[in-house]
Protein backbone atom coordinates (compact mmCIF):
# COMPACT_ATOMS: atom_id res chain seq x y z
CA UNK A 1 18.34 -49.29 -1.58
CA UNK A 2 15.72 -47.38 -3.23
CA UNK A 3 14.97 -43.71 -3.49
CA UNK A 4 12.40 -41.85 -1.29
CA UNK A 5 11.25 -38.96 -2.17
CA UNK A 6 9.14 -36.20 -0.29
CA UNK A 7 8.18 -32.44 -0.30
CA UNK A 8 9.88 -30.41 2.54
CA UNK A 9 7.59 -27.46 3.26
CA UNK A 10 7.47 -24.89 6.22
CA UNK A 11 6.39 -21.79 7.77
CA UNK A 12 3.08 -21.23 5.34
CA UNK A 13 2.23 -18.55 7.55
CA UNK A 14 -1.58 -18.82 6.50
CA UNK A 15 -3.56 -15.54 6.84
CA UNK A 16 -0.67 -13.45 7.78
CA UNK A 17 -1.56 -10.01 8.32
CA UNK A 18 1.18 -8.60 6.06
CA UNK A 19 3.19 -5.54 7.38
CA UNK A 20 4.20 -2.31 6.01
CA UNK A 21 2.03 -2.03 3.20
CA UNK A 22 -0.12 1.15 3.96
CA UNK A 23 0.88 2.60 0.52
CA UNK A 24 -0.78 -0.17 -1.64
CA UNK A 25 -3.55 0.60 -3.62
CA UNK A 26 -7.01 -0.36 -1.52
CA UNK A 27 -8.40 -2.27 -4.60
CA UNK A 28 -5.10 -4.91 -4.20
CA UNK A 29 -5.82 -5.37 -0.88
CA UNK A 30 -7.51 -8.61 -1.43
CA UNK A 31 -5.30 -10.33 -3.76
CA UNK A 32 -2.35 -9.54 -1.40
CA UNK A 33 -4.46 -11.10 2.14
CA UNK A 34 -5.24 -14.02 -0.47
CA UNK A 35 -1.96 -14.50 -1.34
CA UNK A 36 -0.46 -17.31 1.51
CA UNK A 37 -3.53 -19.32 0.70
CA UNK A 38 -2.75 -18.99 -3.17
CA UNK A 39 0.92 -20.09 -2.29
CA UNK A 40 -0.31 -23.20 -0.10
CA UNK A 41 -3.23 -24.35 -2.95
CA UNK A 42 -0.09 -24.34 -5.10
CA UNK A 43 1.67 -26.59 -2.89
CA UNK A 44 -1.11 -29.41 -2.75
CA UNK A 45 -1.64 -28.76 -6.84
CA UNK A 46 2.19 -29.86 -6.77
CA UNK A 47 1.93 -32.76 -4.82
CA UNK A 48 -1.34 -33.84 -6.52
CA UNK A 49 0.44 -33.59 -10.12
CA UNK A 50 3.84 -35.49 -8.82
CA UNK A 51 2.97 -37.92 -6.40
CA UNK A 52 5.89 -38.01 -3.90
CA UNK A 53 5.81 -40.23 -1.07
CA UNK A 54 5.56 -38.14 1.65
CA UNK A 55 4.82 -34.20 2.65
CA UNK A 56 6.99 -32.69 5.70
CA UNK A 57 5.57 -29.10 6.96
CA UNK A 58 7.96 -28.20 9.60
CA UNK A 59 6.08 -25.39 11.83
CA UNK A 60 4.31 -22.11 11.20
CA UNK A 61 1.24 -23.38 9.60
CA UNK A 62 -0.83 -20.77 10.62
CA UNK A 63 0.46 -17.09 11.67
CA UNK A 64 -1.03 -16.70 15.15
CA UNK A 65 -1.64 -19.10 18.62
CA UNK A 66 -5.22 -17.98 18.11
CA UNK A 67 -5.57 -19.82 14.31
CA UNK A 68 -8.95 -18.46 11.89
CA UNK A 69 -11.01 -20.66 11.51
CA UNK A 70 -10.63 -19.96 7.78
CA UNK A 71 -7.35 -20.84 7.66
CA UNK A 72 -7.70 -24.16 9.69
CA UNK A 73 -10.69 -24.82 7.27
CA UNK A 74 -8.61 -24.63 4.15
CA UNK A 75 -5.84 -26.41 5.61
CA UNK A 76 -7.99 -28.79 6.35
CA UNK A 77 -9.22 -28.83 3.03
CA UNK A 78 -5.53 -29.33 1.63
CA UNK A 79 -5.15 -32.30 3.88
CA UNK A 80 -8.19 -34.07 2.63
CA UNK A 81 -6.48 -33.79 -1.18
CA UNK A 82 -3.74 -35.19 -0.37
CA UNK A 83 -5.65 -38.05 1.63
CA UNK A 84 -7.36 -38.43 -1.51
CA UNK A 85 -4.27 -38.78 -3.59
CA UNK A 86 -2.76 -41.40 -1.04
CA UNK A 87 -0.24 -38.73 0.09
CA UNK A 88 0.89 -39.35 3.91
CA UNK A 89 1.37 -35.47 6.11
CA UNK A 90 3.71 -35.11 8.99
CA UNK A 91 3.02 -31.73 10.74
CA UNK A 92 5.11 -30.35 13.81
CA UNK A 93 3.83 -26.93 15.19
CA UNK A 94 6.01 -23.83 15.98
CA UNK A 95 6.04 -21.22 17.73
CA UNK A 96 3.41 -19.14 15.87
CA UNK A 97 0.97 -21.73 15.92
CA UNK A 98 2.09 -23.54 19.25
CA UNK A 99 -0.36 -26.22 21.30
CA UNK A 100 -1.37 -23.66 23.64
CA UNK A 101 -3.17 -21.17 21.50
CA UNK A 102 -6.95 -20.73 21.58
CA UNK A 103 -8.76 -22.10 18.41
CA UNK A 104 -11.81 -24.15 17.15
CA UNK A 105 -10.26 -27.86 16.92
CA UNK A 106 -10.20 -29.36 13.58
CA UNK A 107 -10.05 -33.46 13.22
CA UNK A 108 -6.92 -33.95 10.60
CA UNK A 109 -8.04 -36.63 8.30
CA UNK A 110 -5.96 -40.23 8.73
CA UNK A 111 -3.48 -39.46 6.16
CA UNK A 112 -1.91 -36.63 8.53
CA UNK A 113 0.34 -37.36 11.44
CA UNK A 114 0.63 -34.50 13.66
CA UNK A 115 3.26 -34.51 16.36
CA UNK A 116 2.70 -33.40 19.91
CA UNK A 117 4.74 -31.81 22.78
CA UNK A 118 7.57 -34.29 23.53
CA UNK A 119 9.82 -35.52 20.90
CA UNK A 120 8.41 -38.73 19.11
CA UNK A 121 9.06 -41.04 16.27
CA UNK A 122 6.90 -41.84 13.74
CA UNK A 123 7.69 -44.94 11.17
CA UNK A 124 6.31 -45.69 7.43
CA UNK A 125 7.22 -47.58 4.80
CA UNK A 126 8.34 -46.57 1.44
CA UNK A 127 8.80 -48.97 -1.39
CA UNK A 128 9.93 -51.63 1.09
CA UNK A 129 12.09 -48.88 2.74
CA UNK A 130 11.81 -47.74 6.81
CA UNK A 131 11.72 -44.38 6.91
CA UNK A 132 11.83 -42.96 10.68
CA UNK A 133 10.73 -39.04 11.22
CA UNK A 134 11.26 -37.46 15.05
CA UNK A 135 9.51 -34.09 15.77
CA UNK A 136 7.85 -32.58 18.47
CA UNK A 137 5.60 -29.20 18.36
CA UNK A 138 5.57 -26.32 20.09
CA UNK A 139 3.92 -26.63 23.50
CA UNK A 140 4.35 -22.68 23.92
CA UNK A 141 5.29 -20.10 22.19
CA UNK A 142 9.04 -19.72 23.30
CA UNK A 143 11.03 -23.09 23.66
CA UNK A 144 14.62 -22.12 24.63
CA UNK A 145 15.68 -25.74 25.45
CA UNK A 146 17.74 -27.23 22.64
CA UNK A 147 15.15 -29.57 21.78
CA UNK A 148 17.59 -31.85 19.20
CA UNK A 149 19.03 -33.84 22.70
CA UNK A 150 15.81 -35.63 22.72
CA UNK A 151 16.03 -36.67 19.35
CA UNK A 152 17.25 -40.60 19.08
CA UNK A 153 20.02 -41.73 17.30
CA UNK A 154 19.69 -42.92 13.48
CA UNK A 155 20.00 -47.07 13.96
CA UNK A 156 22.55 -46.73 10.66
CA UNK A 157 20.25 -48.83 8.65
CA UNK A 158 16.94 -47.38 7.68
CA UNK A 159 16.26 -43.47 6.77
CA UNK A 160 16.13 -41.31 9.65
CA UNK A 161 14.96 -37.67 8.86
CA UNK A 162 14.71 -35.15 11.63
CA UNK A 163 12.16 -32.45 11.31
CA UNK A 164 12.95 -29.20 13.60
CA UNK A 165 11.43 -25.96 14.00
CA UNK A 166 14.45 -23.85 15.40
CA UNK A 167 17.34 -21.54 14.48
CA UNK A 168 21.34 -21.76 15.09
CA UNK A 169 22.69 -21.00 18.28
CA UNK A 170 23.98 -17.78 18.45
CA UNK A 171 21.44 -16.28 15.23
CA UNK A 172 21.27 -12.60 15.80
CA UNK A 173 18.97 -11.83 13.04
CA UNK A 174 15.96 -13.76 14.34
CA UNK A 175 14.46 -14.86 17.91
CA UNK A 176 16.64 -17.91 18.63
CA UNK A 177 14.14 -20.70 19.72
CA UNK A 178 14.81 -24.67 19.95
CA UNK A 179 18.90 -23.59 19.09
CA UNK A 180 21.01 -26.05 17.75
CA UNK A 181 24.68 -26.31 16.30
CA UNK A 182 25.57 -27.72 12.73
CA UNK A 183 27.83 -30.64 14.91
CA UNK A 184 24.84 -31.42 17.08
CA UNK A 185 22.53 -32.25 14.43
CA UNK A 186 25.17 -34.15 12.05
CA UNK A 187 26.27 -36.32 15.10
CA UNK A 188 22.71 -38.02 15.09
CA UNK A 189 23.33 -39.73 11.73
CA UNK A 190 20.21 -38.63 10.37
CA UNK A 191 19.70 -38.57 6.49
CA UNK A 192 18.15 -35.64 6.17
CA UNK A 193 17.20 -32.55 8.56
CA UNK A 194 13.47 -30.62 7.57
CA UNK A 195 14.34 -27.09 9.37
CA UNK A 196 11.99 -24.26 9.89
CA UNK A 197 11.55 -21.07 11.57
CA UNK A 198 13.92 -18.66 8.97
CA UNK A 199 12.09 -17.71 6.39
CA UNK A 200 15.54 -17.01 4.52
CA UNK A 201 16.25 -20.65 1.95
CA UNK A 202 19.38 -21.72 3.06
CA UNK A 203 21.15 -25.12 2.74
CA UNK A 204 23.36 -25.34 5.90
CA UNK A 205 24.87 -28.64 5.27
CA UNK A 206 24.62 -31.16 2.43
CA UNK A 207 26.13 -34.61 3.79
CA UNK A 208 23.94 -34.65 5.76
CA UNK A 209 21.44 -32.14 4.44
CA UNK A 210 20.12 -29.46 6.59
CA UNK A 211 17.81 -27.66 5.11
CA UNK A 212 15.65 -24.38 5.51
CA UNK A 213 13.25 -24.23 2.50
CA UNK A 214 12.40 -20.75 3.92
CA UNK A 215 8.52 -19.06 3.81
CA UNK A 216 5.84 -20.02 0.40
CA UNK A 217 4.99 -16.81 0.40
CA UNK A 218 6.57 -13.09 0.83
CA UNK A 219 5.23 -10.69 3.37
CA UNK A 220 7.11 -7.91 3.69
CA UNK A 221 10.08 -6.05 2.32
CA UNK A 222 13.00 -7.72 4.25
CA UNK A 223 11.35 -11.33 2.25
CA UNK A 224 12.73 -10.56 -0.75
CA UNK A 225 12.83 -13.24 -3.75
CA UNK A 226 11.55 -16.41 -4.79
CA UNK A 227 9.91 -18.53 -2.03
CA UNK A 228 8.13 -21.84 -1.91
CA UNK A 229 9.67 -25.52 -1.06
CA UNK A 230 11.94 -28.41 -1.79
CA UNK A 231 11.08 -31.45 -3.96
CA UNK A 232 13.55 -33.76 -1.79
CA UNK A 233 15.05 -36.92 -3.53
CA UNK A 234 16.78 -39.03 -0.73
CA UNK A 235 19.31 -42.07 -0.93
CA UNK A 236 21.33 -43.28 1.14
CA UNK A 237 24.64 -41.93 -0.28
CA UNK A 238 23.22 -38.73 -2.34
CA UNK A 239 20.46 -36.28 -1.54
CA UNK A 240 18.75 -34.40 -4.41
CA UNK A 241 17.22 -30.85 -3.44
CA UNK A 242 15.05 -29.24 -6.17
CA UNK A 243 13.33 -25.68 -5.26
CA UNK A 244 9.57 -25.51 -6.60
CA UNK A 245 8.83 -21.76 -6.61
CA UNK A 246 4.97 -21.67 -5.35
CA UNK A 247 4.17 -17.81 -4.22
CA UNK A 248 1.54 -15.64 -5.62
CA UNK A 249 4.28 -12.86 -6.03
CA UNK A 250 7.26 -11.63 -4.55
CA UNK A 251 8.58 -8.71 -3.21
CA UNK A 252 11.81 -7.44 -5.08
CA UNK A 253 13.70 -4.10 -5.57
CA UNK A 254 14.10 -2.76 -9.28
CA UNK A 255 16.37 0.19 -10.54
CA UNK A 256 16.07 2.43 -13.46
CA UNK A 257 18.65 4.29 -14.68
CA UNK A 258 17.28 7.99 -15.63
CA UNK A 259 20.27 8.57 -17.64
CA UNK A 260 19.69 11.20 -20.99
CA UNK A 261 16.13 11.57 -19.92
CA UNK A 262 14.69 15.09 -19.33
CA UNK A 263 11.17 14.35 -20.40
CA UNK A 264 8.10 12.81 -18.11
CA UNK A 265 6.94 10.69 -21.07
CA UNK A 266 10.64 9.38 -21.40
CA UNK A 267 10.77 8.32 -17.96
CA UNK A 268 7.24 7.04 -17.78
CA UNK A 269 8.22 4.97 -20.74
CA UNK A 270 11.30 3.62 -19.33
CA UNK A 271 9.57 2.67 -16.28
CA UNK A 272 7.14 0.80 -18.18
CA UNK A 273 9.50 -1.17 -20.10
CA UNK A 274 11.80 -2.34 -17.45
CA UNK A 275 8.91 -3.29 -15.20
CA UNK A 276 7.42 -5.37 -17.88
CA UNK A 277 10.40 -7.09 -18.46
CA UNK A 278 10.86 -7.64 -15.04
CA UNK A 279 7.42 -9.53 -14.88
CA UNK A 280 8.17 -11.79 -17.73
CA UNK A 281 11.10 -12.74 -16.15
CA UNK A 282 10.17 -13.35 -12.69
CA UNK A 283 6.46 -13.19 -12.46
CA UNK A 284 4.18 -11.08 -9.83
CA UNK A 285 5.63 -8.97 -7.59
CA UNK A 286 5.52 -6.26 -5.16
CA UNK A 287 8.37 -3.51 -6.40
CA UNK A 288 10.07 -0.73 -4.52
CA UNK A 289 11.56 1.22 -7.62
CA UNK A 290 14.70 3.34 -7.54
CA UNK A 291 15.50 6.00 -10.17
CA UNK A 292 19.29 6.32 -10.16
CA UNK A 293 22.03 8.22 -12.36
CA UNK A 294 19.76 11.25 -12.09
CA UNK A 295 21.22 14.42 -13.50
CA UNK A 296 20.80 18.23 -12.88
CA UNK A 297 18.10 18.17 -15.37
CA UNK A 298 16.44 15.37 -14.60
CA UNK A 299 15.95 16.53 -10.86
CA UNK A 300 14.73 19.46 -11.85
CA UNK A 301 12.15 17.46 -13.72
CA UNK A 302 11.06 14.86 -10.92
CA UNK A 303 11.03 18.35 -8.65
CA UNK A 304 7.60 19.78 -10.13
CA UNK A 305 5.89 16.92 -8.82
CA UNK A 306 5.41 15.02 -5.69
CA UNK A 307 6.98 11.66 -5.50
CA UNK A 308 3.31 10.36 -4.56
CA UNK A 309 2.47 11.57 -7.71
CA UNK A 310 5.14 9.86 -9.81
CA UNK A 311 4.70 6.69 -8.17
CA UNK A 312 0.91 7.09 -8.83
CA UNK A 313 1.54 7.92 -12.61
CA UNK A 314 3.72 4.80 -12.84
CA UNK A 315 1.59 2.50 -11.00
CA UNK A 316 -1.27 3.66 -13.87
CA UNK A 317 0.77 3.21 -16.60
CA UNK A 318 1.41 -0.89 -15.16
CA UNK A 319 -1.92 -0.91 -14.86
CA UNK A 320 -3.24 -0.64 -17.97
CA UNK A 321 -0.30 -3.48 -18.98
CA UNK A 322 -2.89 -5.62 -16.64
CA UNK A 323 0.15 -7.42 -15.04
CA UNK A 324 -0.12 -8.04 -11.10
CA UNK A 325 2.69 -5.38 -10.41
CA UNK A 326 2.15 -3.32 -7.25
CA UNK A 327 4.85 -0.40 -7.13
CA UNK A 328 5.22 -0.17 -3.25
CA UNK A 329 7.89 2.71 -3.01
CA UNK A 330 9.51 5.18 -4.89
CA UNK A 331 13.19 5.68 -3.82
CA UNK A 332 14.86 8.92 -6.04
CA UNK A 333 18.77 8.36 -5.54
CA UNK A 334 20.32 11.78 -5.26
CA UNK A 335 23.53 13.55 -6.56
CA UNK A 336 26.08 13.08 -3.82
CA UNK A 337 26.17 16.50 -3.09
CA UNK A 338 22.34 16.23 -2.30
CA UNK A 339 23.12 13.73 0.58
CA UNK A 340 25.65 14.77 2.41
CA UNK A 341 22.76 15.53 5.54
CA UNK A 342 20.95 12.47 4.72
CA UNK A 343 24.01 10.19 5.02
CA UNK A 344 25.60 11.88 8.39
CA UNK A 345 22.34 10.97 9.95
CA UNK A 346 21.81 7.30 8.65
CA UNK A 347 25.64 6.55 9.67
CA UNK A 348 24.56 7.05 13.10
CA UNK A 349 21.70 4.76 12.75
CA UNK A 350 23.81 1.94 11.21
CA UNK A 351 25.81 1.98 14.10
CA UNK A 352 23.18 0.83 16.35
CA UNK A 353 21.90 -2.26 18.03
CA UNK A 354 18.65 -2.91 20.04
CA UNK A 355 19.69 -0.95 22.90
CA UNK A 356 20.01 2.17 20.88
CA UNK A 357 16.71 1.56 19.37
CA UNK A 358 14.80 1.04 22.60
CA UNK A 359 15.85 4.25 24.25
CA UNK A 360 15.10 6.15 20.90
CA UNK A 361 11.45 4.88 20.96
CA UNK A 362 11.35 4.64 24.88
CA UNK A 363 8.68 7.28 25.32
CA UNK A 364 6.34 5.69 22.85
CA UNK A 365 6.75 2.52 23.86
CA UNK A 366 5.77 3.64 27.55
CA UNK A 367 2.47 5.39 26.69
CA UNK A 368 0.12 3.82 28.85
CA UNK A 369 -2.62 3.59 26.04
CA UNK A 370 -0.58 3.67 22.61
CA UNK A 371 1.82 1.12 23.50
CA UNK A 372 -0.36 -1.92 22.90
CA UNK A 373 -0.94 -0.75 19.59
CA UNK A 374 2.66 -1.05 18.62
CA UNK A 375 4.48 -3.78 17.43
CA UNK A 376 7.66 -5.53 18.97
CA UNK A 377 11.21 -4.03 18.22
CA UNK A 378 12.58 -6.50 15.85
CA UNK A 379 14.58 -6.59 13.02
CA UNK A 380 11.30 -6.11 10.63
CA UNK A 381 10.22 -3.08 12.57
CA UNK A 382 13.93 -1.68 12.60
CA UNK A 383 14.42 -2.37 8.76
CA UNK A 384 10.77 -0.47 8.36
CA UNK A 385 11.65 2.71 10.12
CA UNK A 386 14.97 2.97 8.33
CA UNK A 387 13.48 2.40 5.42
CA UNK A 388 10.61 4.93 5.98
CA UNK A 389 12.61 7.75 7.76
CA UNK A 390 15.42 8.32 4.91
CA UNK A 391 12.41 8.75 2.70
CA UNK A 392 11.57 11.42 4.82
CA UNK A 393 14.81 12.74 4.95
CA UNK A 394 15.11 12.26 0.84
CA UNK A 395 12.02 14.33 0.59
CA UNK A 396 13.03 17.07 3.12
CA UNK A 397 16.42 16.92 0.62
CA UNK A 398 14.55 17.34 -2.45
CA UNK A 399 11.77 19.92 -1.36
CA UNK A 400 9.04 17.48 -1.81
CA UNK A 401 10.52 15.28 -4.89
């Protein structure tokens, strides 16, 4: 039996608004806003260069139910390019770009198959092999039903692929939509499960392969590390997964030791060199910079200027080198004797669950006018509040650093 080769892509979130980037210089915003389109174009260019047998896109092509005209147009152009290259594409829509949204309709080219609101199976022939692909698109944002139960069982002869935008039953890190258990998917007898919805790259199982490729572009601090998609080579006896990075930049953290540093020029030089080394190894990035091993002398030097001034001088130094490197935050890892008050407060937060957080911000979210502009209380919101609160506490402890 011949091998088949395809791309497994998910969670494009084209035209995403990005979160928690208020500290980013305004002259870099355009590059950031374009990054999801840049990552998508990298997917298209890889497909045209490598000519896979087909492409799977497992949900959340767009970031919102009311898809922007520009995002749809650019996506349409990408699909047309794949069509001209003779590459079939199979698409399901997820909770973010569900079918009940309001948008200007674009007709997909003939090489694109879009799954409807009910589970269905589409079949194609690849090198003489029959491939069955089963999936569905979200009819509305919240799908709580275990949709995998409607997927047909494999016949044991042809290739069977399930494309499911959903999450593991009991997952507490993400909103649980179209829940499933690994044993449920394994029981279907499929050769590959192409998952979407979770933005962290994960291989849940290998025989058969049950895979989240993650999203194609980092959009905030909780989506750190390389982002991309999988190129999959599949036989009846083996699955080969090759991860292909495609993002314009990544989010990451970088620690710089201040050991033996007492002068500003020494610190600026050390930060600059470590950032340049980082870019050479990892490419473009938005960095949260942490200064560690701070002695009393180093602390006195840092205390002469504000945290914002230090961050600006580090950024200016990198701008002169001209790589795409943006410093989002500066964290000063203070000696333990300076942090007792901060640690007491943050230890309390770590024990809070969603109920505690909702009670803490209850009055703000009940405001009749302002509440409509506030984000939902989810894991991203909580992490952002923790980070900003810790920085404010550190500022208070360090008298302005």
